[in-house]
Structures are given as structure tokens and as C-alpha cells.
Amino acid sequence: DFAKEFGSEKSSDILEAFNAVRKLGVVVAAI
């Protein structure tokens, strides 16, 4: 229901960014 507050397109972009950063950010954690 996060999409009801922020709209389907915007919420999709935010959640995609969350997934991308949590997967790629491990190299920052390693450094």
C-alpha cells in the first residue's frame, strides 16, 4: 500500500532504488 501514498510509478522507482543500493552498496561496506 506504499503505492497508495506516493503513486505507483514513484513508489516503484523508490523501491527499485532500495533494492539496487542494498545489492550494490556492499562494495562500499567492504572498503
PDB file of all heavy atoms in Angstrom:
ATOM      1  N   ASP A   1       0.819  -1.216   0.000  1.00  0.00           N
ATOM      2  CA  ASP A   1       0.000   0.000   0.000  1.00  0.00           C
ATOM      3  C   ASP A   1       0.851   1.263   0.000  1.00  0.00           C
ATOM      4  O   ASP A   1       0.319   2.379   0.019  1.00  0.00           O
ATOM      5  CB  ASP A   1      -0.959   0.011   1.191  1.00  0.00           C
ATOM      6  CG  ASP A   1      -0.226   0.010   2.520  1.00  0.00           C
ATOM      7  OD1 ASP A   1       0.934  -0.462   2.565  1.00  0.00           O
ATOM      8  OD2 ASP A   1      -0.806   0.484   3.518  1.00  0.00           O
ATOM      9  N   PHE A   2       2.169   1.114  -0.030  1.00  0.00           N
ATOM     10  CA  PHE A   2       3.062   2.261  -0.146  1.00  0.00           C
ATOM     11  C   PHE A   2       2.749   3.051  -1.413  1.00  0.00           C
ATOM     12  O   PHE A   2       2.874   4.285  -1.461  1.00  0.00           O
ATOM     13  CB  PHE A   2       4.512   1.763  -0.163  1.00  0.00           C
ATOM     14  CG  PHE A   2       5.554   2.832  -0.248  1.00  0.00           C
ATOM     15  CD1 PHE A   2       5.792   3.687   0.825  1.00  0.00           C
ATOM     16  CD2 PHE A   2       6.317   2.995  -1.389  1.00  0.00           C
ATOM     17  CE1 PHE A   2       6.760   4.678   0.748  1.00  0.00           C
ATOM     18  CE2 PHE A   2       7.285   3.972  -1.472  1.00  0.00           C
ATOM     19  CZ  PHE A   2       7.506   4.814  -0.396  1.00  0.00           C
ATOM     20  N   ALA A   3       2.294   2.336  -2.454  1.00  0.00           N
ATOM     21  CA  ALA A   3       1.963   2.982  -3.727  1.00  0.00           C
ATOM     22  C   ALA A   3       0.743   3.891  -3.615  1.00  0.00           C
ATOM     23  O   ALA A   3       0.598   4.845  -4.391  1.00  0.00           O
ATOM     24  CB  ALA A   3       1.720   1.919  -4.798  1.00  0.00           C
ATOM     25  N   LYS A   4      -0.141   3.622  -2.655  1.00  0.00           N
ATOM     26  CA  LYS A   4      -1.329   4.462  -2.499  1.00  0.00           C
ATOM     27  C   LYS A   4      -0.964   5.869  -2.033  1.00  0.00           C
ATOM     28  O   LYS A   4      -1.653   6.830  -2.355  1.00  0.00           O
ATOM     29  CB  LYS A   4      -2.290   3.820  -1.493  1.00  0.00           C
ATOM     30  CG  LYS A   4      -2.863   2.486  -1.950  1.00  0.00           C
ATOM     31  CD  LYS A   4      -3.811   1.913  -0.906  1.00  0.00           C
ATOM     32  CE  LYS A   4      -4.373   0.571  -1.337  1.00  0.00           C
ATOM     33  NZ  LYS A   4      -5.276  -0.027  -0.314  1.00  0.00           N
ATOM     34  N   GLU A   5       0.113   5.968  -1.278  1.00  0.00           N
ATOM     35  CA  GLU A   5       0.530   7.264  -0.754  1.00  0.00           C
ATOM     36  C   GLU A   5       1.369   8.034  -1.761  1.00  0.00           C
ATOM     37  O   GLU A   5       1.172   9.235  -1.961  1.00  0.00           O
ATOM     38  CB  GLU A   5       1.326   7.081   0.542  1.00  0.00           C
ATOM     39  CG  GLU A   5       1.846   8.363   1.160  1.00  0.00           C
ATOM     40  CD  GLU A   5       0.722   9.259   1.645  1.00  0.00           C
ATOM     41  OE1 GLU A   5      -0.290   8.741   2.165  1.00  0.00           O
ATOM     42  OE2 GLU A   5       0.847  10.499   1.501  1.00  0.00           O
ATOM     43  N   PHE A   6       2.295   7.359  -2.434  1.00  0.00           N
ATOM     44  CA  PHE A   6       3.246   8.045  -3.300  1.00  0.00           C
ATOM     45  C   PHE A   6       2.990   7.825  -4.789  1.00  0.00           C
ATOM     46  O   PHE A   6       3.709   8.388  -5.617  1.00  0.00           O
ATOM     47  CB  PHE A   6       4.674   7.584  -2.966  1.00  0.00           C
ATOM     48  CG  PHE A   6       5.147   8.038  -1.619  1.00  0.00           C
ATOM     49  CD1 PHE A   6       4.960   7.248  -0.498  1.00  0.00           C
ATOM     50  CD2 PHE A   6       5.773   9.261  -1.455  1.00  0.00           C
ATOM     51  CE1 PHE A   6       5.388   7.654   0.745  1.00  0.00           C
ATOM     52  CE2 PHE A   6       6.206   9.687  -0.213  1.00  0.00           C
ATOM     53  CZ  PHE A   6       6.012   8.886   0.893  1.00  0.00           C
ATOM     54  N   GLY A   7       1.987   7.041  -5.134  1.00  0.00           N
ATOM     55  CA  GLY A   7       1.722   6.762  -6.537  1.00  0.00           C
ATOM     56  C   GLY A   7       2.504   5.549  -7.004  1.00  0.00           C
ATOM     57  O   GLY A   7       3.622   5.313  -6.538  1.00  0.00           O
ATOM     58  N   SER A   8       1.920   4.781  -7.903  1.00  0.00           N
ATOM     59  CA  SER A   8       2.536   3.517  -8.321  1.00  0.00           C
ATOM     60  C   SER A   8       3.890   3.731  -8.988  1.00  0.00           C
ATOM     61  O   SER A   8       4.852   2.984  -8.733  1.00  0.00           O
ATOM     62  CB  SER A   8       1.598   2.769  -9.271  1.00  0.00           C
ATOM     63  OG  SER A   8       1.295   3.567 -10.403  1.00  0.00           O
ATOM     64  N   GLU A   9       4.001   4.749  -9.849  1.00  0.00           N
ATOM     65  CA  GLU A   9       5.264   4.961 -10.567  1.00  0.00           C
ATOM     66  C   GLU A   9       6.367   5.417  -9.620  1.00  0.00           C
ATOM     67  O   GLU A   9       7.485   4.893  -9.654  1.00  0.00           O
ATOM     68  CB  GLU A   9       5.062   5.994 -11.675  1.00  0.00           C
ATOM     69  CG  GLU A   9       6.311   6.216 -12.519  1.00  0.00           C
ATOM     70  CD  GLU A   9       6.067   7.165 -13.678  1.00  0.00           C
ATOM     71  OE1 GLU A   9       4.896   7.553 -13.900  1.00  0.00           O
ATOM     72  OE2 GLU A   9       7.051   7.528 -14.354  1.00  0.00           O
ATOM     73  N   LYS A  10       6.066   6.383  -8.766  1.00  0.00           N
ATOM     74  CA  LYS A  10       7.088   6.895  -7.851  1.00  0.00           C
ATOM     75  C   LYS A  10       7.490   5.843  -6.823  1.00  0.00           C
ATOM     76  O   LYS A  10       8.683   5.676  -6.523  1.00  0.00           O
ATOM     77  CB  LYS A  10       6.563   8.147  -7.129  1.00  0.00           C
ATOM     78  CG  LYS A  10       7.613   8.852  -6.275  1.00  0.00           C
ATOM     79  CD  LYS A  10       8.724   9.423  -7.132  1.00  0.00           C
ATOM     80  CE  LYS A  10       9.736  10.184  -6.311  1.00  0.00           C
ATOM     81  NZ  LYS A  10      10.818  10.757  -7.144  1.00  0.00           N
ATOM     82  N   SER A  11       6.512   5.134  -6.281  1.00  0.00           N
ATOM     83  CA  SER A  11       6.830   4.101  -5.290  1.00  0.00           C
ATOM     84  C   SER A  11       7.664   2.979  -5.907  1.00  0.00           C
ATOM     85  O   SER A  11       8.570   2.443  -5.269  1.00  0.00           O
ATOM     86  CB  SER A  11       5.550   3.531  -4.677  1.00  0.00           C
ATOM     87  OG  SER A  11       4.771   2.873  -5.665  1.00  0.00           O
ATOM     88  N   SER A  12       7.360   2.639  -7.166  1.00  0.00           N
ATOM     89  CA  SER A  12       8.139   1.615  -7.850  1.00  0.00           C
ATOM     90  C   SER A  12       9.591   2.061  -8.013  1.00  0.00           C
ATOM     91  O   SER A  12      10.527   1.273  -7.797  1.00  0.00           O
ATOM     92  CB  SER A  12       7.520   1.313  -9.215  1.00  0.00           C
ATOM     93  OG  SER A  12       8.302   0.382  -9.918  1.00  0.00           O
ATOM     94  N   ASP A  13       9.779   3.336  -8.375  1.00  0.00           N
ATOM     95  CA  ASP A  13      11.142   3.869  -8.526  1.00  0.00           C
ATOM     96  C   ASP A  13      11.892   3.844  -7.196  1.00  0.00           C
ATOM     97  O   ASP A  13      13.081   3.505  -7.144  1.00  0.00           O
ATOM     98  CB  ASP A  13      11.095   5.296  -9.070  1.00  0.00           C
ATOM     99  CG  ASP A  13      10.614   5.361 -10.513  1.00  0.00           C
ATOM    100  OD1 ASP A  13      10.659   4.323 -11.188  1.00  0.00           O
ATOM    101  OD2 ASP A  13      10.187   6.447 -10.953  1.00  0.00           O
ATOM    102  N   ILE A  14      11.199   4.205  -6.112  1.00  0.00           N
ATOM    103  CA  ILE A  14      11.846   4.245  -4.784  1.00  0.00           C
ATOM    104  C   ILE A  14      12.263   2.843  -4.341  1.00  0.00           C
ATOM    105  O   ILE A  14      13.377   2.630  -3.854  1.00  0.00           O
ATOM    106  CB  ILE A  14      10.908   4.892  -3.749  1.00  0.00           C
ATOM    107  CG1 ILE A  14      10.705   6.378  -4.068  1.00  0.00           C
ATOM    108  CG2 ILE A  14      11.470   4.735  -2.333  1.00  0.00           C
ATOM    109  CD1 ILE A  14       9.692   7.067  -3.175  1.00  0.00           C
ATOM    110  N   LEU A  15      11.352   1.869  -4.512  1.00  0.00           N
ATOM    111  CA  LEU A  15      11.668   0.504  -4.090  1.00  0.00           C
ATOM    112  C   LEU A  15      12.753  -0.127  -4.965  1.00  0.00           C
ATOM    113  O   LEU A  15      13.583  -0.899  -4.481  1.00  0.00           O
ATOM    114  CB  LEU A  15      10.404  -0.352  -4.108  1.00  0.00           C
ATOM    115  CG  LEU A  15       9.351   0.014  -3.059  1.00  0.00           C
ATOM    116  CD1 LEU A  15       8.110  -0.854  -3.211  1.00  0.00           C
ATOM    117  CD2 LEU A  15       9.919  -0.115  -1.650  1.00  0.00           C
ATOM    118  N   GLU A  16      12.760   0.221  -6.255  1.00  0.00           N
ATOM    119  CA  GLU A  16      13.830  -0.257  -7.131  1.00  0.00           C
ATOM    120  C   GLU A  16      15.175   0.320  -6.693  1.00  0.00           C
ATOM    121  O   GLU A  16      16.205  -0.375  -6.715  1.00  0.00           O
ATOM    122  CB  GLU A  16      13.542   0.117  -8.586  1.00  0.00           C
ATOM    123  CG  GLU A  16      12.470  -0.735  -9.239  1.00  0.00           C
ATOM    124  CD  GLU A  16      12.212  -0.334 -10.679  1.00  0.00           C
ATOM    125  OE1 GLU A  16      12.956   0.541 -11.193  1.00  0.00           O
ATOM    126  OE2 GLU A  16      11.290  -0.886 -11.304  1.00  0.00           O
ATOM    127  N   ALA A  17      15.164   1.602  -6.293  1.00  0.00           N
ATOM    128  CA  ALA A  17      16.401   2.208  -5.791  1.00  0.00           C
ATOM    129  C   ALA A  17      16.852   1.531  -4.506  1.00  0.00           C
ATOM    130  O   ALA A  17      18.054   1.289  -4.304  1.00  0.00           O
ATOM    131  CB  ALA A  17      16.180   3.707  -5.556  1.00  0.00           C
ATOM    132  N   PHE A  18      15.901   1.202  -3.634  1.00  0.00           N
ATOM    133  CA  PHE A  18      16.237   0.493  -2.386  1.00  0.00           C
ATOM    134  C   PHE A  18      16.919  -0.837  -2.682  1.00  0.00           C
ATOM    135  O   PHE A  18      17.972  -1.160  -2.116  1.00  0.00           O
ATOM    136  CB  PHE A  18      14.959   0.277  -1.567  1.00  0.00           C
ATOM    137  CG  PHE A  18      15.140  -0.622  -0.375  1.00  0.00           C
ATOM    138  CD1 PHE A  18      15.709  -0.141   0.794  1.00  0.00           C
ATOM    139  CD2 PHE A  18      14.735  -1.954  -0.417  1.00  0.00           C
ATOM    140  CE1 PHE A  18      15.880  -0.971   1.901  1.00  0.00           C
ATOM    141  CE2 PHE A  18      14.896  -2.783   0.678  1.00  0.00           C
ATOM    142  CZ  PHE A  18      15.476  -2.288   1.844  1.00  0.00           C
ATOM    143  N   ASN A  19      16.337  -1.601  -3.600  1.00  0.00           N
ATOM    144  CA  ASN A  19      16.913  -2.907  -3.940  1.00  0.00           C
ATOM    145  C   ASN A  19      18.273  -2.766  -4.602  1.00  0.00           C
ATOM    146  O   ASN A  19      19.192  -3.547  -4.341  1.00  0.00           O
ATOM    147  CB  ASN A  19      15.961  -3.673  -4.862  1.00  0.00           C
ATOM    148  CG  ASN A  19      14.786  -4.273  -4.113  1.00  0.00           C
ATOM    149  OD1 ASN A  19      14.937  -4.760  -2.998  1.00  0.00           O
ATOM    150  ND2 ASN A  19      13.608  -4.230  -4.706  1.00  0.00           N
ATOM    151  N   ALA A  20      18.411  -1.758  -5.479  1.00  0.00           N
ATOM    152  CA  ALA A  20      19.683  -1.566  -6.175  1.00  0.00           C
ATOM    153  C   ALA A  20      20.792  -1.176  -5.207  1.00  0.00           C
ATOM    154  O   ALA A  20      21.897  -1.734  -5.252  1.00  0.00           O
ATOM    155  CB  ALA A  20      19.530  -0.497  -7.264  1.00  0.00           C
ATOM    156  N   VAL A  21      20.499  -0.242  -4.317  1.00  0.00           N
ATOM    157  CA  VAL A  21      21.528   0.237  -3.395  1.00  0.00           C
ATOM    158  C   VAL A  21      21.914  -0.852  -2.407  1.00  0.00           C
ATOM    159  O   VAL A  21      23.092  -1.028  -2.080  1.00  0.00           O
ATOM    160  CB  VAL A  21      21.038   1.501  -2.649  1.00  0.00           C
ATOM    161  CG1 VAL A  21      22.016   1.896  -1.551  1.00  0.00           C
ATOM    162  CG2 VAL A  21      20.878   2.656  -3.622  1.00  0.00           C
ATOM    163  N   ARG A  22      20.940  -1.619  -1.907  1.00  0.00           N
ATOM    164  CA  ARG A  22      21.260  -2.661  -0.936  1.00  0.00           C
ATOM    165  C   ARG A  22      22.071  -3.797  -1.570  1.00  0.00           C
ATOM    166  O   ARG A  22      22.797  -4.502  -0.876  1.00  0.00           O
ATOM    167  CB  ARG A  22      19.996  -3.217  -0.283  1.00  0.00           C
ATOM    168  CG  ARG A  22      19.108  -4.055  -1.153  1.00  0.00           C
ATOM    169  CD  ARG A  22      17.933  -4.609  -0.351  1.00  0.00           C
ATOM    170  NE  ARG A  22      18.409  -5.519   0.677  1.00  0.00           N
ATOM    171  CZ  ARG A  22      18.506  -6.840   0.508  1.00  0.00           C
ATOM    172  NH1 ARG A  22      18.196  -7.381  -0.663  1.00  0.00           N
ATOM    173  NH2 ARG A  22      18.922  -7.602   1.488  1.00  0.00           N
ATOM    174  N   LYS A  23      21.973  -3.963  -2.875  1.00  0.00           N
ATOM    175  CA  LYS A  23      22.732  -5.013  -3.540  1.00  0.00           C
ATOM    176  C   LYS A  23      24.119  -4.542  -3.982  1.00  0.00           C
ATOM    177  O   LYS A  23      25.079  -5.297  -3.939  1.00  0.00           O
ATOM    178  CB  LYS A  23      21.949  -5.526  -4.752  1.00  0.00           C
ATOM    179  CG  LYS A  23      20.683  -6.276  -4.368  1.00  0.00           C
ATOM    180  CD  LYS A  23      19.789  -6.536  -5.560  1.00  0.00           C
ATOM    181  CE  LYS A  23      18.502  -7.249  -5.147  1.00  0.00           C
ATOM    182  NZ  LYS A  23      17.548  -7.397  -6.270  1.00  0.00           N
ATOM    183  N   LEU A  24      24.209  -3.283  -4.400  1.00  0.00           N
ATOM    184  CA  LEU A  24      25.485  -2.773  -4.898  1.00  0.00           C
ATOM    185  C   LEU A  24      26.318  -2.106  -3.812  1.00  0.00           C
ATOM    186  O   LEU A  24      27.533  -1.933  -3.976  1.00  0.00           O
ATOM    187  CB  LEU A  24      25.238  -1.774  -6.036  1.00  0.00           C
ATOM    188  CG  LEU A  24      24.470  -2.303  -7.250  1.00  0.00           C
ATOM    189  CD1 LEU A  24      24.289  -1.205  -8.282  1.00  0.00           C
ATOM    190  CD2 LEU A  24      25.179  -3.496  -7.873  1.00  0.00           C
ATOM    191  N   GLY A  25      25.678  -1.737  -2.712  1.00  0.00           N
ATOM    192  CA  GLY A  25      26.380  -0.999  -1.670  1.00  0.00           C
ATOM    193  C   GLY A  25      27.360  -1.829  -0.866  1.00  0.00           C
ATOM    194  O   GLY A  25      28.118  -1.270  -0.061  1.00  0.00           O
ATOM    195  N   VAL A  26      27.387  -3.147  -1.076  1.00  0.00           N
ATOM    196  CA  VAL A  26      28.303  -3.988  -0.293  1.00  0.00           C
ATOM    197  C   VAL A  26      29.756  -3.636  -0.566  1.00  0.00           C
ATOM    198  O   VAL A  26      30.622  -3.809   0.301  1.00  0.00           O
ATOM    199  CB  VAL A  26      28.051  -5.488  -0.574  1.00  0.00           C
ATOM    200  CG1 VAL A  26      26.778  -5.955   0.066  1.00  0.00           C
ATOM    201  CG2 VAL A  26      28.035  -5.759  -2.077  1.00  0.00           C
ATOM    202  N   VAL A  27      30.054  -3.142  -1.770  1.00  0.00           N
ATOM    203  CA  VAL A  27      31.439  -2.789  -2.061  1.00  0.00           C
ATOM    204  C   VAL A  27      31.857  -1.577  -1.235  1.00  0.00           C
ATOM    205  O   VAL A  27      33.015  -1.469  -0.807  1.00  0.00           O
ATOM    206  CB  VAL A  27      31.624  -2.536  -3.579  1.00  0.00           C
ATOM    207  CG1 VAL A  27      30.939  -1.254  -4.024  1.00  0.00           C
ATOM    208  CG2 VAL A  27      33.103  -2.509  -3.941  1.00  0.00           C
ATOM    209  N   VAL A  28      30.914  -0.664  -0.963  1.00  0.00           N
ATOM    210  CA  VAL A  28      31.202   0.473  -0.072  1.00  0.00           C
ATOM    211  C   VAL A  28      31.450  -0.048   1.340  1.00  0.00           C
ATOM    212  O   VAL A  28      32.382   0.397   2.035  1.00  0.00           O
ATOM    213  CB  VAL A  28      30.032   1.482  -0.091  1.00  0.00           C
ATOM    214  CG1 VAL A  28      30.307   2.637   0.875  1.00  0.00           C
ATOM    215  CG2 VAL A  28      29.791   2.000  -1.492  1.00  0.00           C
ATOM    216  N   ALA A  29      30.616  -0.984   1.768  1.00  0.00           N
ATOM    217  CA  ALA A  29      30.802  -1.584   3.092  1.00  0.00           C
ATOM    218  C   ALA A  29      32.162  -2.259   3.200  1.00  0.00           C
ATOM    219  O   ALA A  29      32.838  -2.171   4.229  1.00  0.00           O
ATOM    220  CB  ALA A  29      29.685  -2.589   3.372  1.00  0.00           C
ATOM    221  N   ALA A  30      32.600  -2.935   2.131  1.00  0.00           N
ATOM    222  CA  ALA A  30      33.886  -3.626   2.149  1.00  0.00           C
ATOM    223  C   ALA A  30      35.041  -2.640   2.294  1.00  0.00           C
ATOM    224  O   ALA A  30      35.990  -2.870   3.060  1.00  0.00           O
ATOM    225  CB  ALA A  30      34.059  -4.445   0.871  1.00  0.00           C
ATOM    226  N   ILE A  31      34.972  -1.529   1.575  1.00  0.00           N
ATOM    227  CA  ILE A  31      36.034  -0.516   1.652  1.00  0.00           C
ATOM    228  C   ILE A  31      36.101   0.082   3.049  1.00  0.00           C
ATOM    229  O   ILE A  31      37.191   0.275   3.607  1.00  0.00           O
ATOM    230  CB  ILE A  31      35.795   0.577   0.589  1.00  0.00           C
ATOM    231  CG1 ILE A  31      35.962  -0.016  -0.814  1.00  0.00           C
ATOM    232  CG2 ILE A  31      36.755   1.747   0.791  1.00  0.00           C
ATOM    233  CD1 ILE A  31      35.592   0.925  -1.923  1.00  0.00           C
TER     234      ILE A  31
END
